[in-house]
Amino acid sequence: MGKIQMTTPLVEMDGDEMTRILWKMIKDELLLPYIDLKTEYYDLGLEHRNETDDKVTTESAEATLKYGVAVKCATITPNAARMTEYNLKEMWKSPNGTIRAILDGTVFRTPIVVKGIEPCVKNWEKPITLARHAYGDVYKNVEIKVPGAGKAELVFTAEDGTEIRETIHNFTDAGIIQGVHNTNKSITSFAKSCFNYALDTKQDLWFATKDTISKKYDHTFKDIFQQIYEDEYKEKFEAAGIEYFYTLIDDAVARIMKAKGGFIWACKNYDGDVMSDMVSSAFGSLAMMTSVLVSPSGVFEYEAAHGTVQRHYYKHLKGEETSTNSVATIFAWTGALRKRGELDNIPELMAFADKLEKATIQTIESGKMTKDLALITSLKDVTVLNSQNFIKAIAETMETL
């Protein structure tokens, strides 16, 4: 049979380190034999971002707005050590943060559940989807190292020259200051994306902030969510038999541990970043978490929820064998291909994405898996495969479906 034909390209964002190695393996073994793959390629590897003064990141996001669907490999967000290691011109910002700001979307992260990998939280019976606001907060912060005694102020100057001024702190010695911001427009987009996703998936929606302490910043999130719910979504939620539930972040964390799952938990940017790692790890592995950025305009960017697997990459460079879990990266591709098929009305492409996900899960449930899963599985007599052989095993399973 001929390969599945595509009509519109995916935006393909290549990445760094071990996930970049897996990226090529996945394409070679699982995609190219079956699909006449059309992509508009952008190299977001740190070296190329440095060469282009990070313009390539902006270009990839703009291409995503044009084509509607992107798939992204994990990328490095450099720190001081990476500055030296890669001889960088400057400490480039997170590519994800840049892309999220341009797309104005919300990140939805959901664990991939397989038999034999039971959650650490025993009462979790269904996946918990984390909805992470994708703009502002610490990811767009401005920081100052205070050298010594002095007065720190928060100042807003309106276009007409009038000022709002608040004292942050009167320093008697050295310290630090951090300024964060958000916009009503972005919070509104976040809220609508969450409400729409809850309706699409017919799941309850939880939202939590620290509004008791942050009476303006966090409280604005709470107020905007509530107003939009009352004005636009309350009747729709009631008709669908689902609930919107607001609580303090402290209460939400406590409730999550005793819940059964099967709902969406919406969080501000940093809360969602941290809590999605907790949820994915508790469900089994950071490499078993899907991530999709959904913009209010209907643009989708799929990626794995984890990083570049630096430790395995260094082993790979030494010629040592690795057993790196590629499931979340595979599911990034399947998510993007399914959405491309849906938007372009190519049922064969959608069916292929379903088949590849089924083959991946069946491979693990048959006892063939990477080391991270073998350490936590309840299955007996499992076979631990290296990075490439795990992908080859999935290809073999594909041929049986």
Protein backbone atom coordinates (compact mmCIF):
# COMPACT_ATOMS: atom_id res chain seq x y z
CA MET A 1 0.00 0.00 0.00
CA GLY A 2 1.12 3.55 -0.71
CA LYS A 3 2.04 6.03 1.98
CA ILE A 4 -0.61 8.24 3.56
CA GLN A 5 -0.63 11.61 1.78
CA MET A 6 -0.72 14.94 3.61
CA THR A 7 -2.06 18.16 2.11
CA THR A 8 -0.88 20.80 4.64
CA PRO A 9 2.52 20.72 6.37
CA LEU A 10 3.03 20.36 10.09
CA VAL A 11 5.40 22.85 11.65
CA GLU A 12 8.27 20.67 12.92
CA MET A 13 10.41 22.10 15.72
CA ASP A 14 13.52 20.02 16.30
CA GLY A 15 15.22 20.15 19.70
CA ASP A 16 18.16 19.19 21.86
CA GLU A 17 20.21 16.37 23.34
CA MET A 18 18.70 12.90 23.79
CA THR A 19 15.24 13.90 22.67
CA ARG A 20 16.76 15.12 19.38
CA ILE A 21 18.28 11.64 18.90
CA LEU A 22 14.90 10.01 19.65
CA TRP A 23 13.16 12.49 17.31
CA LYS A 24 15.08 11.14 14.31
CA MET A 25 14.56 7.50 15.38
CA ILE A 26 10.80 8.04 15.66
CA LYS A 27 10.61 9.62 12.22
CA ASP A 28 12.76 6.93 10.59
CA GLU A 29 11.16 3.89 12.23
CA LEU A 30 7.55 4.87 12.96
CA LEU A 31 6.49 7.69 10.63
CA LEU A 32 8.32 7.80 7.30
CA PRO A 33 7.57 4.15 6.37
CA TYR A 34 3.84 4.95 6.53
CA ILE A 35 3.38 8.67 5.79
CA ASP A 36 4.51 10.99 3.02
CA LEU A 37 5.46 13.39 5.79
CA LYS A 38 5.13 17.07 4.96
CA THR A 39 6.68 19.45 7.50
CA GLU A 40 8.04 22.98 7.60
CA TYR A 41 11.23 22.37 9.57
CA TYR A 42 12.74 24.67 12.21
CA ASP A 43 15.88 23.76 14.13
CA LEU A 44 15.38 24.90 17.73
CA GLY A 45 18.55 23.17 18.89
CA LEU A 46 20.47 25.53 21.17
CA GLU A 47 23.38 25.96 18.75
CA HIS A 48 21.08 27.13 15.96
CA ARG A 49 19.07 29.37 18.28
CA ASN A 50 22.37 30.98 19.27
CA GLU A 51 23.46 31.39 15.63
CA THR A 52 20.17 33.11 14.73
CA ASP A 53 19.98 35.25 17.90
CA ASP A 54 16.91 33.16 18.73
CA LYS A 55 15.00 34.48 15.70
CA VAL A 56 14.30 30.88 14.66
CA THR A 57 12.07 30.42 17.72
CA THR A 58 9.90 33.38 16.77
CA GLU A 59 9.80 32.20 13.15
CA SER A 60 8.62 28.74 14.20
CA ALA A 61 5.80 30.22 16.29
CA GLU A 62 4.72 32.49 13.42
CA ALA A 63 4.68 29.47 11.10
CA THR A 64 2.46 27.68 13.62
CA LEU A 65 -0.02 30.54 13.45
CA LYS A 66 0.03 30.16 9.66
CA TYR A 67 -0.39 26.38 9.42
CA GLY A 68 -2.39 25.73 12.61
CA VAL A 69 -0.56 22.63 13.90
CA ALA A 70 3.00 22.15 15.19
CA VAL A 71 4.98 19.36 16.81
CA LYS A 72 7.93 20.26 19.04
CA CYS A 73 10.90 18.35 20.42
CA ALA A 74 12.16 19.14 23.92
CA THR A 75 14.62 22.06 24.06
CA ILE A 76 17.20 23.45 26.47
CA THR A 77 16.45 26.58 28.47
CA PRO A 78 20.02 27.73 29.19
CA ASN A 79 21.40 28.56 32.63
CA ALA A 80 24.89 29.79 33.52
CA ALA A 81 26.42 26.33 33.04
CA ARG A 82 24.85 26.01 29.58
CA MET A 83 26.22 29.45 28.65
CA THR A 84 29.72 28.07 29.08
CA GLU A 85 29.01 24.61 27.66
CA TYR A 86 27.52 25.94 24.41
CA ASN A 87 29.52 29.19 24.23
CA LEU A 88 26.32 31.23 24.00
CA LYS A 89 26.08 34.91 23.08
CA GLU A 90 23.53 35.37 25.87
CA MET A 91 21.30 33.34 28.16
CA TRP A 92 18.44 32.85 25.70
CA LYS A 93 14.92 32.68 27.11
CA SER A 94 12.82 29.50 27.21
CA PRO A 95 11.68 28.63 23.67
CA ASN A 96 8.44 27.33 25.15
CA GLY A 97 7.83 30.66 26.88
CA THR A 98 8.44 32.56 23.64
CA ILE A 99 6.16 30.28 21.62
CA ARG A 100 3.42 30.35 24.26
CA ALA A 101 3.45 34.14 24.37
CA ILE A 102 3.10 34.39 20.56
CA LEU A 103 0.37 31.73 20.34
CA ASP A 104 -1.48 33.06 23.42
CA GLY A 105 -2.53 29.55 24.42
CA THR A 106 -3.12 27.23 27.32
CA VAL A 107 -1.06 24.06 27.87
CA PHE A 108 -3.03 20.89 28.60
CA ARG A 109 -0.96 18.01 30.02
CA THR A 110 -2.41 14.53 30.52
CA PRO A 111 -0.75 11.32 31.78
CA ILE A 112 -0.57 8.35 29.39
CA VAL A 113 -2.09 5.47 31.33
CA VAL A 114 -1.04 1.85 30.69
CA LYS A 115 -1.77 -1.40 32.50
CA GLY A 116 1.02 -2.44 34.81
CA ILE A 117 2.06 1.12 35.66
CA GLU A 118 -0.09 2.02 38.65
CA PRO A 119 -0.18 5.56 40.06
CA CYS A 120 1.69 6.19 43.32
CA VAL A 121 -1.54 7.76 44.58
CA LYS A 122 -3.60 4.58 44.85
CA ASN A 123 -7.03 6.23 44.60
CA TRP A 124 -6.24 7.88 41.24
CA GLU A 125 -8.32 5.81 38.83
CA LYS A 126 -8.46 8.18 35.84
CA PRO A 127 -5.99 10.65 34.33
CA ILE A 128 -5.80 14.17 35.77
CA THR A 129 -5.31 16.80 33.06
CA LEU A 130 -3.28 19.88 34.04
CA ALA A 131 -4.30 23.10 32.27
CA ARG A 132 -1.39 25.51 32.55
CA HIS A 133 -1.66 29.19 31.75
CA ALA A 134 1.00 29.84 29.16
CA TYR A 135 1.79 33.51 29.64
CA GLY A 136 3.42 35.81 32.16
CA ASP A 137 4.26 35.33 35.84
CA VAL A 138 7.86 34.30 36.57
CA TYR A 139 8.42 33.31 32.90
CA LYS A 140 8.17 36.95 31.83
CA ASN A 141 9.69 38.41 34.99
CA VAL A 142 12.10 41.30 35.51
CA GLU A 143 14.67 40.90 38.30
CA ILE A 144 17.06 43.20 40.12
CA LYS A 145 19.87 42.29 42.49
CA VAL A 146 19.73 44.99 45.16
CA PRO A 147 23.32 46.02 46.03
CA GLY A 148 22.54 47.60 49.40
CA ALA A 149 20.27 49.82 51.44
CA GLY A 150 17.56 51.71 49.58
CA LYS A 151 13.88 51.92 48.71
CA ALA A 152 12.25 49.62 46.14
CA GLU A 153 9.04 50.83 44.49
CA LEU A 154 6.47 49.42 42.09
CA VAL A 155 5.52 52.19 39.64
CA PHE A 156 2.96 52.27 36.81
CA THR A 157 2.99 55.31 34.52
CA ALA A 158 -0.16 55.73 32.45
CA GLU A 159 -0.09 57.12 28.91
CA ASP A 160 -1.31 60.48 30.23
CA GLY A 161 1.60 60.62 32.66
CA THR A 162 -0.28 59.86 35.86
CA GLU A 163 1.40 57.40 38.23
CA ILE A 164 0.42 54.60 40.57
CA ARG A 165 3.20 53.99 43.08
CA GLU A 166 3.59 51.40 45.84
CA THR A 167 6.57 50.73 48.12
CA ILE A 168 7.82 47.16 47.78
CA HIS A 169 10.38 47.25 50.57
CA ASN A 170 12.81 49.55 52.35
CA PHE A 171 16.06 47.61 52.14
CA THR A 172 18.65 47.97 54.90
CA ASP A 173 21.06 45.60 53.14
CA ALA A 174 21.49 43.70 49.88
CA GLY A 175 18.60 41.67 48.51
CA ILE A 176 16.59 40.84 45.41
CA ILE A 177 13.45 42.11 43.64
CA GLN A 178 11.25 40.34 41.14
CA GLY A 179 8.51 41.93 39.05
CA VAL A 180 5.86 39.83 37.30
CA HIS A 181 2.90 40.77 35.18
CA ASN A 182 -0.12 39.43 33.34
CA THR A 183 -2.85 40.87 31.15
CA ASN A 184 -6.63 40.63 31.34
CA LYS A 185 -6.62 39.58 27.68
CA SER A 186 -4.32 36.62 28.33
CA ILE A 187 -6.22 35.54 31.46
CA THR A 188 -9.47 35.71 29.46
CA SER A 189 -7.96 33.51 26.74
CA PHE A 190 -6.77 31.08 29.42
CA ALA A 191 -10.23 30.89 30.97
CA LYS A 192 -12.03 30.36 27.67
CA SER A 193 -9.54 27.68 26.56
CA CYS A 194 -10.13 25.83 29.84
CA PHE A 195 -13.92 26.06 29.67
CA ASN A 196 -13.95 24.95 26.02
CA TYR A 197 -11.58 22.03 26.68
CA ALA A 198 -13.74 20.91 29.62
CA LEU A 199 -16.83 20.94 27.39
CA ASP A 200 -15.00 19.14 24.56
CA THR A 201 -13.78 16.37 26.87
CA LYS A 202 -16.84 16.44 29.18
CA GLN A 203 -14.73 16.74 32.33
CA ASP A 204 -15.16 18.84 35.47
CA LEU A 205 -12.88 21.88 35.67
CA TRP A 206 -11.06 22.90 38.84
CA PHE A 207 -9.28 26.25 39.15
CA ALA A 208 -7.13 27.42 42.05
CA THR A 209 -5.03 30.48 42.97
CA LYS A 210 -3.76 32.12 46.17
CA ASP A 211 -6.33 34.94 46.13
CA THR A 212 -6.41 35.26 49.94
CA ILE A 213 -2.81 36.52 49.94
CA SER A 214 -2.57 38.01 46.45
CA LYS A 215 -5.69 40.17 46.64
CA LYS A 216 -5.13 41.93 43.32
CA TYR A 217 -2.94 39.69 41.11
CA ASP A 218 -4.36 36.23 41.89
CA HIS A 219 -7.79 37.60 42.71
CA THR A 220 -8.03 39.02 39.18
CA PHE A 221 -7.60 35.49 37.79
CA LYS A 222 -10.40 34.26 40.05
CA ASP A 223 -12.71 37.14 39.11
CA ILE A 224 -12.19 36.82 35.36
CA PHE A 225 -12.79 33.05 35.43
CA GLN A 226 -15.97 33.51 37.47
CA GLN A 227 -17.34 36.29 35.28
CA ILE A 228 -16.73 34.38 32.04
CA TYR A 229 -18.26 31.24 33.55
CA GLU A 230 -21.40 33.07 34.66
CA ASP A 231 -21.79 34.99 31.38
CA GLU A 232 -20.91 32.33 28.80
CA TYR A 233 -20.50 28.82 30.16
CA LYS A 234 -22.71 28.12 33.17
CA GLU A 235 -25.71 26.88 31.16
CA LYS A 236 -23.44 24.86 28.83
CA PHE A 237 -21.73 23.18 31.80
CA GLU A 238 -25.07 22.36 33.44
CA ALA A 239 -26.40 20.92 30.17
CA ALA A 240 -23.25 18.78 29.82
CA GLY A 241 -23.52 17.60 33.43
CA ILE A 242 -20.09 18.91 34.39
CA GLU A 243 -18.96 21.31 37.12
CA TYR A 244 -16.71 24.37 37.40
CA PHE A 245 -15.10 24.43 40.84
CA TYR A 246 -12.89 27.16 42.34
CA THR A 247 -10.78 26.81 45.47
CA LEU A 248 -7.53 28.00 47.01
CA ILE A 249 -4.39 26.33 45.64
CA ASP A 250 -3.68 24.90 49.12
CA ASP A 251 -7.08 23.24 49.21
CA ALA A 252 -6.77 22.01 45.63
CA VAL A 253 -3.46 20.26 46.35
CA ALA A 254 -4.99 18.51 49.37
CA ARG A 255 -8.13 17.50 47.46
CA ILE A 256 -6.13 16.21 44.48
CA MET A 257 -4.41 13.62 46.65
CA LYS A 258 -7.76 12.11 47.66
CA ALA A 259 -9.59 12.47 44.34
CA LYS A 260 -10.21 9.69 41.81
CA GLY A 261 -9.15 11.76 38.80
CA GLY A 262 -10.96 12.24 35.52
CA PHE A 263 -11.03 16.06 35.63
CA ILE A 264 -9.07 19.13 34.49
CA TRP A 265 -7.06 21.12 37.02
CA ALA A 266 -6.37 24.66 35.78
CA CYS A 267 -3.34 26.41 37.25
CA LYS A 268 -1.43 29.64 36.79
CA ASN A 269 1.82 29.38 34.83
CA TYR A 270 4.28 28.36 37.57
CA ASP A 271 1.75 26.23 39.50
CA GLY A 272 0.96 24.33 36.30
CA ASP A 273 4.64 23.83 35.49
CA VAL A 274 5.39 22.27 38.88
CA MET A 275 2.13 20.39 39.44
CA SER A 276 2.17 18.76 36.00
CA ASP A 277 5.56 17.24 36.86
CA MET A 278 4.14 15.99 40.16
CA VAL A 279 1.08 14.47 38.51
CA SER A 280 3.03 12.85 35.67
CA SER A 281 5.62 11.40 38.05
CA ALA A 282 2.91 10.10 40.38
CA PHE A 283 1.16 8.44 37.44
CA GLY A 284 4.40 6.63 36.57
CA SER A 285 6.96 8.65 34.64
CA LEU A 286 7.69 12.16 33.40
CA ALA A 287 8.12 10.53 29.99
CA MET A 288 4.47 9.40 30.06
CA MET A 289 2.80 12.83 29.83
CA THR A 290 1.29 14.45 26.76
CA SER A 291 1.33 18.21 26.31
CA VAL A 292 -0.63 20.36 23.86
CA LEU A 293 -0.73 24.15 23.63
CA VAL A 294 -4.17 25.29 22.49
CA SER A 295 -4.75 28.90 21.45
CA PRO A 296 -8.17 30.59 21.43
CA SER A 297 -7.82 31.00 17.65
CA GLY A 298 -7.66 27.21 17.18
CA VAL A 299 -3.89 26.70 16.84
CA PHE A 300 -2.29 23.57 18.32
CA GLU A 301 1.32 22.83 19.31
CA TYR A 302 2.11 19.32 20.56
CA GLU A 303 5.19 18.34 22.57
CA ALA A 304 6.40 16.07 25.35
CA ALA A 305 5.99 17.42 28.87
CA HIS A 306 9.57 16.53 29.89
CA GLY A 307 13.03 17.88 29.14
CA THR A 308 15.92 16.89 26.89
CA VAL A 309 17.15 13.92 29.03
CA GLN A 310 20.61 15.44 29.43
CA ARG A 311 22.10 12.58 31.48
CA HIS A 312 21.26 9.99 28.81
CA TYR A 313 22.64 12.27 26.09
CA TYR A 314 26.03 12.41 27.77
CA LYS A 315 26.03 8.60 27.97
CA HIS A 316 25.08 8.46 24.29
CA LEU A 317 28.00 10.73 23.37
CA LYS A 318 30.37 8.33 25.16
CA GLY A 319 29.00 5.47 23.07
CA GLU A 320 27.21 3.93 26.05
CA GLU A 321 23.81 2.30 25.71
CA THR A 322 20.76 4.22 26.89
CA SER A 323 17.22 3.14 27.68
CA THR A 324 15.33 6.38 27.17
CA ASN A 325 11.54 6.48 27.23
CA SER A 326 10.24 7.99 23.97
CA VAL A 327 6.51 7.57 24.61
CA ALA A 328 5.63 11.23 25.24
CA THR A 329 7.57 12.30 22.14
CA ILE A 330 5.77 9.65 20.06
CA PHE A 331 2.44 10.93 21.41
CA ALA A 332 3.44 14.49 20.47
CA TRP A 333 3.71 13.32 16.87
CA THR A 334 0.46 11.32 17.01
CA GLY A 335 -1.40 14.26 18.54
CA ALA A 336 -0.18 16.61 15.81
CA LEU A 337 -0.84 14.13 13.00
CA ARG A 338 -4.34 13.41 14.31
CA LYS A 339 -5.16 17.12 14.51
CA ARG A 340 -3.72 17.72 11.01
CA GLY A 341 -5.87 14.87 9.73
CA GLU A 342 -8.91 16.27 11.49
CA LEU A 343 -8.43 19.81 10.13
CA ASP A 344 -7.63 18.59 6.59
CA ASN A 345 -10.27 15.83 6.57
CA ILE A 346 -7.76 12.99 6.12
CA PRO A 347 -9.29 10.07 8.09
CA GLU A 348 -6.35 7.80 7.17
CA LEU A 349 -3.96 10.13 8.99
CA MET A 350 -6.19 10.18 12.08
CA ALA A 351 -6.47 6.38 12.01
CA PHE A 352 -2.68 6.09 11.73
CA ALA A 353 -2.21 8.25 14.83
CA ASP A 354 -4.66 6.06 16.76
CA LYS A 355 -2.88 2.93 15.55
CA LEU A 356 0.58 4.17 16.57
CA GLU A 357 -0.65 5.09 20.06
CA LYS A 358 -2.30 1.67 20.40
CA ALA A 359 0.91 -0.06 19.26
CA THR A 360 2.97 1.94 21.79
CA ILE A 361 0.67 1.02 24.69
CA GLN A 362 0.40 -2.63 23.60
CA THR A 363 4.20 -2.90 23.42
CA ILE A 364 4.53 -1.77 27.03
CA GLU A 365 1.63 -3.92 28.24
CA SER A 366 3.22 -6.94 26.56
CA GLY A 367 6.24 -6.46 28.84
CA LYS A 368 8.60 -4.67 26.45
CA MET A 369 9.63 -1.31 27.89
CA THR A 370 12.40 1.10 28.79
CA LYS A 371 14.26 0.95 32.09
CA ASP A 372 12.32 3.75 33.81
CA LEU A 373 9.07 1.80 33.40
CA ALA A 374 10.63 -1.58 34.22
CA LEU A 375 11.62 -0.21 37.63
CA ILE A 376 8.02 0.63 38.55
CA THR A 377 5.85 -1.86 36.66
CA SER A 378 3.73 -4.52 38.36
CA LEU A 379 4.12 -6.78 35.30
CA LYS A 380 6.33 -9.84 35.73
CA ASP A 381 9.26 -10.97 33.58
CA VAL A 382 9.55 -7.77 31.57
CA THR A 383 12.11 -7.16 28.85
CA VAL A 384 14.16 -3.96 29.25
CA LEU A 385 14.97 -2.48 25.85
CA ASN A 386 17.43 0.21 24.88
CA SER A 387 16.26 3.45 23.29
CA GLN A 388 16.33 2.28 19.67
CA ASN A 389 15.08 -1.26 20.29
CA PHE A 390 12.03 0.04 22.16
CA ILE A 391 11.09 2.10 19.11
CA LYS A 392 11.76 -0.92 16.86
CA ALA A 393 9.52 -3.05 19.11
CA ILE A 394 6.71 -0.55 18.62
CA ALA A 395 7.27 -0.76 14.84
CA GLU A 396 6.96 -4.54 15.08
CA THR A 397 3.73 -4.23 17.04
CA MET A 398 2.41 -1.83 14.38
CA GLU A 399 2.77 -4.56 11.77
CA THR A 400 0.47 -6.85 13.78
CA LEU A 401 -2.41 -4.35 14.07
